[in-house]
Amino acid sequence: MFTLEIAGKAVAITNADEDQARELFTSEEFREDVKSFTSEGKPLWDGSAAFNVRRASDEEIEAFDDAMAEDEEDWDDEEDGDDEETGIDVMFLVAIDEMDDADEAQDEP
């Protein structure tokens, strides 16, 4: 597993291999997304701080595994497996302000 650091702060983790992680985290689409996100009211990325992709720490891996286990339980409840097609998951290690709230509200009947 690999972690993305922005300006020395661990921001996201993925279960992709190293090449896939570097490609994902440095893609223009991911950078644009990260630039639009805020954490605790502050931009996650200022558009210029360095991105560093490194091996994930044991603590980061444990947090990822715990979150994926919870997510898997939720998917089992919903019986929807669309994310299983790619096999690559990304989890943010920082709280993202209102990232999913609007999406979840739109999905509810």
PDB file of N, CA and C in Angstrom:
ATOM      1  N   MET A   1       0.847  -1.172   0.000  1.00  0.00           N
ATOM      2  CA  MET A   1       0.000   0.000   0.000  1.00  0.00           C
ATOM      3  C   MET A   1       0.893   1.236   0.000  1.00  0.00           C
ATOM      4  N   PHE A   2       0.333   2.305  -0.567  1.00  0.00           N
ATOM      5  CA  PHE A   2       1.113   3.526  -0.701  1.00  0.00           C
ATOM      6  C   PHE A   2       0.302   4.728  -0.245  1.00  0.00           C
ATOM      7  N   THR A   3       1.029   5.689   0.315  1.00  0.00           N
ATOM      8  CA  THR A   3       0.434   6.891   0.883  1.00  0.00           C
ATOM      9  C   THR A   3       0.878   8.114   0.104  1.00  0.00           C
ATOM     10  N   LEU A   4      -0.059   9.035  -0.077  1.00  0.00           N
ATOM     11  CA  LEU A   4       0.245  10.329  -0.677  1.00  0.00           C
ATOM     12  C   LEU A   4       0.464  11.336   0.439  1.00  0.00           C
ATOM     13  N   GLU A   5       1.594  11.991   0.391  1.00  0.00           N
ATOM     14  CA  GLU A   5       1.862  13.115   1.295  1.00  0.00           C
ATOM     15  C   GLU A   5       1.836  14.397   0.476  1.00  0.00           C
ATOM     16  N   ILE A   6       1.215  15.410   1.045  1.00  0.00           N
ATOM     17  CA  ILE A   6       1.240  16.739   0.436  1.00  0.00           C
ATOM     18  C   ILE A   6       1.884  17.660   1.451  1.00  0.00           C
ATOM     19  N   ALA A   7       2.976  18.266   1.035  1.00  0.00           N
ATOM     20  CA  ALA A   7       3.741  19.158   1.918  1.00  0.00           C
ATOM     21  C   ALA A   7       4.076  18.456   3.233  1.00  0.00           C
ATOM     22  N   GLY A   8       4.435  17.178   3.143  1.00  0.00           N
ATOM     23  CA  GLY A   8       4.862  16.418   4.310  1.00  0.00           C
ATOM     24  C   GLY A   8       3.753  15.839   5.163  1.00  0.00           C
ATOM     25  N   LYS A   9       2.494  16.054   4.788  1.00  0.00           N
ATOM     26  CA  LYS A   9       1.358  15.545   5.576  1.00  0.00           C
ATOM     27  C   LYS A   9       0.701  14.384   4.824  1.00  0.00           C
ATOM     28  N   ALA A  10       0.516  13.256   5.523  1.00  0.00           N
ATOM     29  CA  ALA A  10      -0.151  12.100   4.930  1.00  0.00           C
ATOM     30  C   ALA A  10      -1.607  12.459   4.675  1.00  0.00           C
ATOM     31  N   VAL A  11      -2.038  12.326   3.414  1.00  0.00           N
ATOM     32  CA  VAL A  11      -3.364  12.771   3.014  1.00  0.00           C
ATOM     33  C   VAL A  11      -4.257  11.623   2.555  1.00  0.00           C
ATOM     34  N   ALA A  12      -3.690  10.659   1.822  1.00  0.00           N
ATOM     35  CA  ALA A  12      -4.505   9.567   1.279  1.00  0.00           C
ATOM     36  C   ALA A  12      -3.670   8.299   1.190  1.00  0.00           C
ATOM     37  N   ILE A  13      -4.354   7.155   1.188  1.00  0.00           N
ATOM     38  CA  ILE A  13      -3.705   5.855   1.077  1.00  0.00           C
ATOM     39  C   ILE A  13      -4.456   5.036   0.025  1.00  0.00           C
ATOM     40  N   THR A  14      -3.727   4.198  -0.694  1.00  0.00           N
ATOM     41  CA  THR A  14      -4.343   3.317  -1.672  1.00  0.00           C
ATOM     42  C   THR A  14      -3.751   1.919  -1.582  1.00  0.00           C
ATOM     43  N   ASN A  15      -4.551   0.945  -1.990  1.00  0.00           N
ATOM     44  CA  ASN A  15      -4.075  -0.432  -2.026  1.00  0.00           C
ATOM     45  C   ASN A  15      -3.483  -0.782  -3.389  1.00  0.00           C
ATOM     46  N   ALA A  16      -3.290   0.207  -4.238  1.00  0.00           N
ATOM     47  CA  ALA A  16      -2.677   0.003  -5.549  1.00  0.00           C
ATOM     48  C   ALA A  16      -1.198  -0.335  -5.383  1.00  0.00           C
ATOM     49  N   ASP A  17      -0.621  -0.939  -6.433  1.00  0.00           N
ATOM     50  CA  ASP A  17       0.825  -1.149  -6.389  1.00  0.00           C
ATOM     51  C   ASP A  17       1.510   0.200  -6.620  1.00  0.00           C
ATOM     52  N   GLU A  18       2.827   0.237  -6.504  1.00  0.00           N
ATOM     53  CA  GLU A  18       3.541   1.514  -6.543  1.00  0.00           C
ATOM     54  C   GLU A  18       3.317   2.286  -7.842  1.00  0.00           C
ATOM     55  N   ASP A  19       3.419   1.619  -8.974  1.00  0.00           N
ATOM     56  CA  ASP A  19       3.217   2.307 -10.252  1.00  0.00           C
ATOM     57  C   ASP A  19       1.805   2.857 -10.380  1.00  0.00           C
ATOM     58  N   GLN A  20       0.820   2.047  -9.994  1.00  0.00           N
ATOM     59  CA  GLN A  20      -0.573   2.492 -10.055  1.00  0.00           C
ATOM     60  C   GLN A  20      -0.814   3.662  -9.101  1.00  0.00           C
ATOM     61  N   ALA A  21      -0.233   3.587  -7.900  1.00  0.00           N
ATOM     62  CA  ALA A  21      -0.404   4.655  -6.916  1.00  0.00           C
ATOM     63  C   ALA A  21       0.185   5.958  -7.433  1.00  0.00           C
ATOM     64  N   ARG A  22       1.374   5.893  -7.999  1.00  0.00           N
ATOM     65  CA  ARG A  22       2.002   7.108  -8.541  1.00  0.00           C
ATOM     66  C   ARG A  22       1.168   7.677  -9.687  1.00  0.00           C
ATOM     67  N   GLU A  23       0.695   6.801 -10.551  1.00  0.00           N
ATOM     68  CA  GLU A  23      -0.119   7.254 -11.680  1.00  0.00           C
ATOM     69  C   GLU A  23      -1.407   7.902 -11.184  1.00  0.00           C
ATOM     70  N   LEU A  24      -2.068   7.264 -10.227  1.00  0.00           N
ATOM     71  CA  LEU A  24      -3.318   7.787  -9.683  1.00  0.00           C
ATOM     72  C   LEU A  24      -3.113   9.125  -8.985  1.00  0.00           C
ATOM     73  N   PHE A  25      -2.189   9.142  -8.028  1.00  0.00           N
ATOM     74  CA  PHE A  25      -2.002  10.339  -7.205  1.00  0.00           C
ATOM     75  C   PHE A  25      -1.445  11.526  -7.981  1.00  0.00           C
ATOM     76  N   THR A  26      -0.759  11.284  -9.071  1.00  0.00           N
ATOM     77  CA  THR A  26      -0.184  12.399  -9.837  1.00  0.00           C
ATOM     78  C   THR A  26      -1.005  12.739 -11.075  1.00  0.00           C
ATOM     79  N   SER A  27      -2.134  12.043 -11.280  1.00  0.00           N
ATOM     80  CA  SER A  27      -2.971  12.329 -12.443  1.00  0.00           C
ATOM     81  C   SER A  27      -3.597  13.718 -12.312  1.00  0.00           C
ATOM     82  N   GLU A  28      -3.852  14.331 -13.431  1.00  0.00           N
ATOM     83  CA  GLU A  28      -4.450  15.662 -13.454  1.00  0.00           C
ATOM     84  C   GLU A  28      -5.831  15.644 -12.789  1.00  0.00           C
ATOM     85  N   GLU A  29      -6.605  14.600 -13.041  1.00  0.00           N
ATOM     86  CA  GLU A  29      -7.948  14.498 -12.466  1.00  0.00           C
ATOM     87  C   GLU A  29      -7.891  14.444 -10.934  1.00  0.00           C
ATOM     88  N   PHE A  30      -6.989  13.612 -10.381  1.00  0.00           N
ATOM     89  CA  PHE A  30      -6.870  13.516  -8.932  1.00  0.00           C
ATOM     90  C   PHE A  30      -6.395  14.839  -8.346  1.00  0.00           C
ATOM     91  N   ARG A  31      -5.412  15.464  -8.986  1.00  0.00           N
ATOM     92  CA  ARG A  31      -4.910  16.752  -8.490  1.00  0.00           C
ATOM     93  C   ARG A  31      -6.013  17.812  -8.473  1.00  0.00           C
ATOM     94  N   GLU A  32      -6.836  17.833  -9.512  1.00  0.00           N
ATOM     95  CA  GLU A  32      -7.943  18.794  -9.550  1.00  0.00           C
ATOM     96  C   GLU A  32      -8.934  18.520  -8.425  1.00  0.00           C
ATOM     97  N   ASP A  33      -9.227  17.243  -8.193  1.00  0.00           N
ATOM     98  CA  ASP A  33     -10.130  16.892  -7.095  1.00  0.00           C
ATOM     99  C   ASP A  33      -9.558  17.347  -5.759  1.00  0.00           C
ATOM    100  N   VAL A  34      -8.294  17.027  -5.514  1.00  0.00           N
ATOM    101  CA  VAL A  34      -7.656  17.368  -4.242  1.00  0.00           C
ATOM    102  C   VAL A  34      -7.610  18.884  -4.045  1.00  0.00           C
ATOM    103  N   LYS A  35      -7.400  19.604  -5.135  1.00  0.00           N
ATOM    104  CA  LYS A  35      -7.353  21.062  -5.038  1.00  0.00           C
ATOM    105  C   LYS A  35      -8.716  21.631  -4.636  1.00  0.00           C
ATOM    106  N   SER A  36      -9.797  20.939  -4.997  1.00  0.00           N
ATOM    107  CA  SER A  36     -11.139  21.439  -4.674  1.00  0.00           C
ATOM    108  C   SER A  36     -11.612  21.029  -3.279  1.00  0.00           C
ATOM    109  N   PHE A  37     -10.931  20.069  -2.640  1.00  0.00           N
ATOM    110  CA  PHE A  37     -11.321  19.597  -1.314  1.00  0.00           C
ATOM    111  C   PHE A  37     -10.768  20.505  -0.226  1.00  0.00           C
ATOM    112  N   THR A  38     -11.525  20.560   0.891  1.00  0.00           N
ATOM    113  CA  THR A  38     -11.033  21.254   2.078  1.00  0.00           C
ATOM    114  C   THR A  38     -11.071  20.295   3.257  1.00  0.00           C
ATOM    115  N   SER A  39     -10.205  20.550   4.210  1.00  0.00           N
ATOM    116  CA  SER A  39     -10.163  19.796   5.451  1.00  0.00           C
ATOM    117  C   SER A  39     -10.071  20.802   6.581  1.00  0.00           C
ATOM    118  N   GLU A  40     -11.047  20.743   7.471  1.00  0.00           N
ATOM    119  CA  GLU A  40     -11.144  21.705   8.570  1.00  0.00           C
ATOM    120  C   GLU A  40     -11.150  23.140   8.045  1.00  0.00           C
ATOM    121  N   GLY A  41     -11.825  23.318   6.896  1.00  0.00           N
ATOM    122  CA  GLY A  41     -11.979  24.648   6.320  1.00  0.00           C
ATOM    123  C   GLY A  41     -10.791  25.150   5.521  1.00  0.00           C
ATOM    124  N   LYS A  42      -9.730  24.366   5.447  1.00  0.00           N
ATOM    125  CA  LYS A  42      -8.523  24.775   4.710  1.00  0.00           C
ATOM    126  C   LYS A  42      -8.366  23.921   3.462  1.00  0.00           C
ATOM    127  N   PRO A  43      -7.885  24.518   2.362  1.00  0.00           N
ATOM    128  CA  PRO A  43      -7.669  23.732   1.144  1.00  0.00           C
ATOM    129  C   PRO A  43      -6.727  22.560   1.421  1.00  0.00           C
ATOM    130  N   LEU A  44      -7.066  21.405   0.867  1.00  0.00           N
ATOM    131  CA  LEU A  44      -6.229  20.226   1.042  1.00  0.00           C
ATOM    132  C   LEU A  44      -4.908  20.394   0.292  1.00  0.00           C
ATOM    133  N   TRP A  45      -4.978  21.042  -0.860  1.00  0.00           N
ATOM    134  CA  TRP A  45      -3.774  21.284  -1.664  1.00  0.00           C
ATOM    135  C   TRP A  45      -3.864  22.672  -2.254  1.00  0.00           C
ATOM    136  N   ASP A  46      -2.772  23.403  -2.206  1.00  0.00           N
ATOM    137  CA  ASP A  46      -2.748  24.772  -2.717  1.00  0.00           C
ATOM    138  C   ASP A  46      -2.428  24.855  -4.208  1.00  0.00           C
ATOM    139  N   GLY A  47      -2.217  23.733  -4.837  1.00  0.00           N
ATOM    140  CA  GLY A  47      -1.913  23.718  -6.260  1.00  0.00           C
ATOM    141  C   GLY A  47      -0.432  23.751  -6.568  1.00  0.00           C
ATOM    142  N   SER A  48       0.398  23.929  -5.528  1.00  0.00           N
ATOM    143  CA  SER A  48       1.836  23.991  -5.797  1.00  0.00           C
ATOM    144  C   SER A  48       2.689  23.149  -4.842  1.00  0.00           C
ATOM    145  N   ALA A  49       2.170  22.796  -3.688  1.00  0.00           N
ATOM    146  CA  ALA A  49       2.941  21.998  -2.732  1.00  0.00           C
ATOM    147  C   ALA A  49       3.293  20.643  -3.350  1.00  0.00           C
ATOM    148  N   ALA A  50       4.440  20.131  -2.971  1.00  0.00           N
ATOM    149  CA  ALA A  50       4.939  18.875  -3.536  1.00  0.00           C
ATOM    150  C   ALA A  50       4.107  17.681  -3.096  1.00  0.00           C
ATOM    151  N   PHE A  51       3.891  16.776  -4.042  1.00  0.00           N
ATOM    152  CA  PHE A  51       3.270  15.481  -3.766  1.00  0.00           C
ATOM    153  C   PHE A  51       4.384  14.465  -3.595  1.00  0.00           C
ATOM    154  N   ASN A  52       4.282  13.619  -2.584  1.00  0.00           N
ATOM    155  CA  ASN A  52       5.245  12.540  -2.378  1.00  0.00           C
ATOM    156  C   ASN A  52       4.467  11.247  -2.180  1.00  0.00           C
ATOM    157  N   VAL A  53       4.801  10.220  -2.947  1.00  0.00           N
ATOM    158  CA  VAL A  53       4.176   8.915  -2.806  1.00  0.00           C
ATOM    159  C   VAL A  53       5.190   8.002  -2.134  1.00  0.00           C
ATOM    160  N   ARG A  54       4.784   7.404  -1.007  1.00  0.00           N
ATOM    161  CA  ARG A  54       5.688   6.545  -0.242  1.00  0.00           C
ATOM    162  C   ARG A  54       4.939   5.310   0.233  1.00  0.00           C
ATOM    163  N   ARG A  55       5.693   4.324   0.706  1.00  0.00           N
ATOM    164  CA  ARG A  55       5.063   3.140   1.294  1.00  0.00           C
ATOM    165  C   ARG A  55       4.256   3.569   2.507  1.00  0.00           C
ATOM    166  N   ALA A  56       3.099   2.964   2.669  1.00  0.00           N
ATOM    167  CA  ALA A  56       2.232   3.285   3.807  1.00  0.00           C
ATOM    168  C   ALA A  56       2.814   2.707   5.092  1.00  0.00           C
ATOM    169  N   SER A  57       2.593   3.411   6.183  1.00  0.00           N
ATOM    170  CA  SER A  57       3.028   2.928   7.497  1.00  0.00           C
ATOM    171  C   SER A  57       2.054   1.851   7.987  1.00  0.00           C
ATOM    172  N   ASP A  58       2.473   1.114   9.000  1.00  0.00           N
ATOM    173  CA  ASP A  58       1.609   0.084   9.586  1.00  0.00           C
ATOM    174  C   ASP A  58       0.309   0.686  10.111  1.00  0.00           C
ATOM    175  N   GLU A  59       0.381   1.867  10.730  1.00  0.00           N
ATOM    176  CA  GLU A  59      -0.807   2.516  11.272  1.00  0.00           C
ATOM    177  C   GLU A  59      -1.760   2.917  10.149  1.00  0.00           C
ATOM    178  N   GLU A  60      -1.216   3.433   9.050  1.00  0.00           N
ATOM    179  CA  GLU A  60      -2.055   3.820   7.912  1.00  0.00           C
ATOM    180  C   GLU A  60      -2.726   2.600   7.292  1.00  0.00           C
ATOM    181  N   ILE A  61      -1.974   1.510   7.174  1.00  0.00           N
ATOM    182  CA  ILE A  61      -2.524   0.269   6.616  1.00  0.00           C
ATOM    183  C   ILE A  61      -3.650  -0.259   7.503  1.00  0.00           C
ATOM    184  N   GLU A  62      -3.447  -0.211   8.809  1.00  0.00           N
ATOM    185  CA  GLU A  62      -4.482  -0.678   9.739  1.00  0.00           C
ATOM    186  C   GLU A  62      -5.747   0.166   9.611  1.00  0.00           C
ATOM    187  N   ALA A  63      -5.594   1.492   9.521  1.00  0.00           N
ATOM    188  CA  ALA A  63      -6.749   2.379   9.361  1.00  0.00           C
ATOM    189  C   ALA A  63      -7.474   2.081   8.048  1.00  0.00           C
ATOM    190  N   PHE A  64      -6.710   1.846   6.984  1.00  0.00           N
ATOM    191  CA  PHE A  64      -7.281   1.510   5.684  1.00  0.00           C
ATOM    192  C   PHE A  64      -8.063   0.203   5.768  1.00  0.00           C
ATOM    193  N   ASP A  65      -7.431  -0.819   6.331  1.00  0.00           N
ATOM    194  CA  ASP A  65      -8.089  -2.128   6.437  1.00  0.00           C
ATOM    195  C   ASP A  65      -9.372  -2.051   7.255  1.00  0.00           C
ATOM    196  N   ASP A  66      -9.337  -1.300   8.356  1.00  0.00           N
ATOM    197  CA  ASP A  66     -10.533  -1.138   9.191  1.00  0.00           C
ATOM    198  C   ASP A  66     -11.653  -0.446   8.411  1.00  0.00           C
ATOM    199  N   ALA A  67     -11.304   0.610   7.681  1.00  0.00           N
ATOM    200  CA  ALA A  67     -12.305   1.351   6.906  1.00  0.00           C
ATOM    201  C   ALA A  67     -12.867   0.498   5.775  1.00  0.00           C
ATOM    202  N   MET A  68     -12.016  -0.278   5.127  1.00  0.00           N
ATOM    203  CA  MET A  68     -12.485  -1.129   4.032  1.00  0.00           C
ATOM    204  C   MET A  68     -13.397  -2.244   4.561  1.00  0.00           C
ATOM    205  N   ALA A  69     -13.100  -2.760   5.744  1.00  0.00           N
ATOM    206  CA  ALA A  69     -13.948  -3.792   6.343  1.00  0.00           C
ATOM    207  C   ALA A  69     -15.331  -3.217   6.652  1.00  0.00           C
ATOM    208  N   GLU A  70     -15.364  -2.001   7.184  1.00  0.00           N
ATOM    209  CA  GLU A  70     -16.645  -1.333   7.455  1.00  0.00           C
ATOM    210  C   GLU A  70     -17.396  -1.081   6.162  1.00  0.00           C
ATOM    211  N   ASP A  71     -16.676  -0.599   5.158  1.00  0.00           N
ATOM    212  CA  ASP A  71     -17.282  -0.296   3.863  1.00  0.00           C
ATOM    213  C   ASP A  71     -17.832  -1.563   3.222  1.00  0.00           C
ATOM    214  N   GLU A  72     -17.105  -2.665   3.365  1.00  0.00           N
ATOM    215  CA  GLU A  72     -17.549  -3.939   2.799  1.00  0.00           C
ATOM    216  C   GLU A  72     -18.858  -4.383   3.436  1.00  0.00           C
ATOM    217  N   GLU A  73     -18.994  -4.164   4.749  1.00  0.00           N
ATOM    218  CA  GLU A  73     -20.245  -4.488   5.431  1.00  0.00           C
ATOM    219  C   GLU A  73     -21.390  -3.648   4.874  1.00  0.00           C
ATOM    220  N   ASP A  74     -21.107  -2.364   4.631  1.00  0.00           N
ATOM    221  CA  ASP A  74     -22.132  -1.484   4.064  1.00  0.00           C
ATOM    222  C   ASP A  74     -22.528  -1.947   2.669  1.00  0.00           C
ATOM    223  N   TRP A  75     -21.552  -2.339   1.856  1.00  0.00           N
ATOM    224  CA  TRP A  75     -21.845  -2.804   0.493  1.00  0.00           C
ATOM    225  C   TRP A  75     -22.648  -4.093   0.542  1.00  0.00           C
ATOM    226  N   ASP A  76     -22.304  -4.972   1.489  1.00  0.00           N
ATOM    227  CA  ASP A  76     -23.056  -6.220   1.614  1.00  0.00           C
ATOM    228  C   ASP A  76     -24.518  -5.928   1.928  1.00  0.00           C
ATOM    229  N   ASP A  77     -24.745  -4.916   2.763  1.00  0.00           N
ATOM    230  CA  ASP A  77     -26.111  -4.533   3.109  1.00  0.00           C
ATOM    231  C   ASP A  77     -26.861  -3.999   1.894  1.00  0.00           C
ATOM    232  N   GLU A  78     -26.175  -3.266   1.023  1.00  0.00           N
ATOM    233  CA  GLU A  78     -26.803  -2.659  -0.145  1.00  0.00           C
ATOM    234  C   GLU A  78     -26.802  -3.572  -1.362  1.00  0.00           C
ATOM    235  N   GLU A  79     -26.005  -4.636  -1.319  1.00  0.00           N
ATOM    236  CA  GLU A  79     -25.864  -5.571  -2.438  1.00  0.00           C
ATOM    237  C   GLU A  79     -25.536  -4.858  -3.737  1.00  0.00           C
ATOM    238  N   ASP A  80     -24.543  -3.967  -3.678  1.00  0.00           N
ATOM    239  CA  ASP A  80     -24.091  -3.224  -4.852  1.00  0.00           C
ATOM    240  C   ASP A  80     -22.578  -3.304  -4.890  1.00  0.00           C
ATOM    241  N   GLY A  81     -22.008  -3.912  -5.929  1.00  0.00           N
ATOM    242  CA  GLY A  81     -20.573  -4.139  -5.963  1.00  0.00           C
ATOM    243  C   GLY A  81     -19.842  -3.413  -7.065  1.00  0.00           C
ATOM    244  N   ASP A  82     -20.268  -2.219  -7.451  1.00  0.00           N
ATOM    245  CA  ASP A  82     -19.623  -1.512  -8.550  1.00  0.00           C
ATOM    246  C   ASP A  82     -18.152  -1.233  -8.305  1.00  0.00           C
ATOM    247  N   ASP A  83     -17.745  -0.904  -7.064  1.00  0.00           N
ATOM    248  CA  ASP A  83     -16.353  -0.566  -6.783  1.00  0.00           C
ATOM    249  C   ASP A  83     -15.427  -1.765  -6.904  1.00  0.00           C
ATOM    250  N   GLU A  84     -15.962  -2.966  -6.860  1.00  0.00           N
ATOM    251  CA  GLU A  84     -15.119  -4.148  -6.922  1.00  0.00           C
ATOM    252  C   GLU A  84     -14.513  -4.350  -8.302  1.00  0.00           C
ATOM    253  N   GLU A  85     -15.020  -3.654  -9.315  1.00  0.00           N
ATOM    254  CA  GLU A  85     -14.517  -3.824 -10.675  1.00  0.00           C
ATOM    255  C   GLU A  85     -13.068  -3.381 -10.803  1.00  0.00           C
ATOM    256  N   THR A  86     -12.684  -2.271 -10.191  1.00  0.00           N
ATOM    257  CA  THR A  86     -11.338  -1.748 -10.358  1.00  0.00           C
ATOM    258  C   THR A  86     -10.332  -2.446  -9.460  1.00  0.00           C
ATOM    259  N   GLY A  87     -10.744  -2.829  -8.251  1.00  0.00           N
ATOM    260  CA  GLY A  87      -9.822  -3.461  -7.333  1.00  0.00           C
ATOM    261  C   GLY A  87      -8.888  -2.488  -6.642  1.00  0.00           C
ATOM    262  N   ILE A  88      -8.957  -1.207  -6.987  1.00  0.00           N
ATOM    263  CA  ILE A  88      -8.110  -0.191  -6.363  1.00  0.00           C
ATOM    264  C   ILE A  88      -9.007   0.718  -5.528  1.00  0.00           C
ATOM    265  N   ASP A  89      -8.633   0.862  -4.255  1.00  0.00           N
ATOM    266  CA  ASP A  89      -9.379   1.729  -3.353  1.00  0.00           C
ATOM    267  C   ASP A  89      -8.468   2.845  -2.861  1.00  0.00           C
ATOM    268  N   VAL A  90      -9.066   3.996  -2.589  1.00  0.00           N
ATOM    269  CA  VAL A  90      -8.354   5.144  -2.024  1.00  0.00           C
ATOM    270  C   VAL A  90      -9.128   5.592  -0.801  1.00  0.00           C
ATOM    271  N   MET A  91      -8.396   5.880   0.268  1.00  0.00           N
ATOM    272  CA  MET A  91      -9.014   6.396   1.482  1.00  0.00           C
ATOM    273  C   MET A  91      -8.248   7.641   1.907  1.00  0.00           C
ATOM    274  N   PHE A  92      -8.981   8.692   2.224  1.00  0.00           N
ATOM    275  CA  PHE A  92      -8.332   9.894   2.731  1.00  0.00           C
ATOM    276  C   PHE A  92      -8.005   9.701   4.201  1.00  0.00           C
ATOM    277  N   LEU A  93      -6.836  10.145   4.591  1.00  0.00           N
ATOM    278  CA  LEU A  93      -6.365  10.031   5.970  1.00  0.00           C
ATOM    279  C   LEU A  93      -6.672  11.280   6.776  1.00  0.00           C
ATOM    280  N   VAL A  94      -7.246  12.261   6.121  1.00  0.00           N
ATOM    281  CA  VAL A  94      -7.675  13.493   6.781  1.00  0.00           C
ATOM    282  C   VAL A  94      -9.176  13.629   6.549  1.00  0.00           C
ATOM    283  N   ALA A  95      -9.839  14.325   7.442  1.00  0.00           N
ATOM    284  CA  ALA A  95     -11.276  14.554   7.275  1.00  0.00           C
ATOM    285  C   ALA A  95     -11.488  15.523   6.123  1.00  0.00           C
ATOM    286  N   ILE A  96     -12.348  15.141   5.180  1.00  0.00           N
ATOM    287  CA  ILE A  96     -12.671  15.998   4.048  1.00  0.00           C
ATOM    288  C   ILE A  96     -14.011  16.661   4.344  1.00  0.00           C
ATOM    289  N   ASP A  97     -14.036  17.988   4.266  1.00  0.00           N
ATOM    290  CA  ASP A  97     -15.257  18.737   4.561  1.00  0.00           C
ATOM    291  C   ASP A  97     -16.326  18.466   3.513  1.00  0.00           C
ATOM    292  N   GLU A  98     -17.471  17.943   3.946  1.00  0.00           N
ATOM    293  CA  GLU A  98     -18.669  17.793   3.134  1.00  0.00           C
ATOM    294  C   GLU A  98     -18.436  17.133   1.780  1.00  0.00           C
ATOM    295  N   MET A  99     -17.467  16.233   1.676  1.00  0.00           N
ATOM    296  CA  MET A  99     -17.192  15.581   0.401  1.00  0.00           C
ATOM    297  C   MET A  99     -18.339  14.685  -0.027  1.00  0.00           C
ATOM    298  N   ASP A 100     -18.861  13.879   0.886  1.00  0.00           N
ATOM    299  CA  ASP A 100     -19.869  12.894   0.524  1.00  0.00           C
ATOM    300  C   ASP A 100     -21.290  13.325   0.872  1.00  0.00           C
ATOM    301  N   ASP A 101     -21.449  14.355   1.665  1.00  0.00           N
ATOM    302  CA  ASP A 101     -22.780  14.732   2.125  1.00  0.00           C
ATOM    303  C   ASP A 101     -23.721  15.046   0.972  1.00  0.00           C
ATOM    304  N   ALA A 102     -23.297  15.807  -0.012  1.00  0.00           N
ATOM    305  CA  ALA A 102     -24.146  16.172  -1.143  1.00  0.00           C
ATOM    306  C   ALA A 102     -24.449  14.945  -1.997  1.00  0.00           C
ATOM    307  N   ASP A 103     -23.447  14.097  -2.218  1.00  0.00           N
ATOM    308  CA  ASP A 103     -23.650  12.890  -3.011  1.00  0.00           C
ATOM    309  C   ASP A 103     -24.645  11.962  -2.345  1.00  0.00           C
ATOM    310  N   GLU A 104     -24.535  11.779  -1.031  1.00  0.00           N
ATOM    311  CA  GLU A 104     -25.433  10.877  -0.315  1.00  0.00           C
ATOM    312  C   GLU A 104     -26.867  11.413  -0.337  1.00  0.00           C
ATOM    313  N   ALA A 105     -27.013  12.726  -0.222  1.00  0.00           N
ATOM    314  CA  ALA A 105     -28.338  13.319  -0.231  1.00  0.00           C
ATOM    315  C   ALA A 105     -29.011  13.100  -1.584  1.00  0.00           C
ATOM    316  N   GLN A 106     -28.236  13.152  -2.663  1.00  0.00           N
ATOM    317  CA  GLN A 106     -28.796  12.949  -3.994  1.00  0.00           C
ATOM    318  C   GLN A 106     -29.183  11.485  -4.205  1.00  0.00           C
ATOM    319  N   ASP A 107     -28.481  10.563  -3.569  1.00  0.00           N
ATOM    320  CA  ASP A 107     -28.739   9.146  -3.749  1.00  0.00           C
ATOM    321  C   ASP A 107     -29.963   8.660  -2.970  1.00  0.00           C
ATOM    322  N   GLU A 108     -30.362   9.416  -1.953  1.00  0.00           N
ATOM    323  CA  GLU A 108     -31.478   8.986  -1.117  1.00  0.00           C
ATOM    324  C   GLU A 108     -32.794   9.255  -1.833  1.00  0.00           C
ATOM    325  N   PRO A 109     -33.766   8.345  -1.694  1.00  0.00           N
ATOM    326  CA  PRO A 109     -35.080   8.541  -2.360  1.00  0.00           C
ATOM    327  C   PRO A 109     -35.891   9.646  -1.737  1.00  0.00           C
TER     328      PRO A 109
END
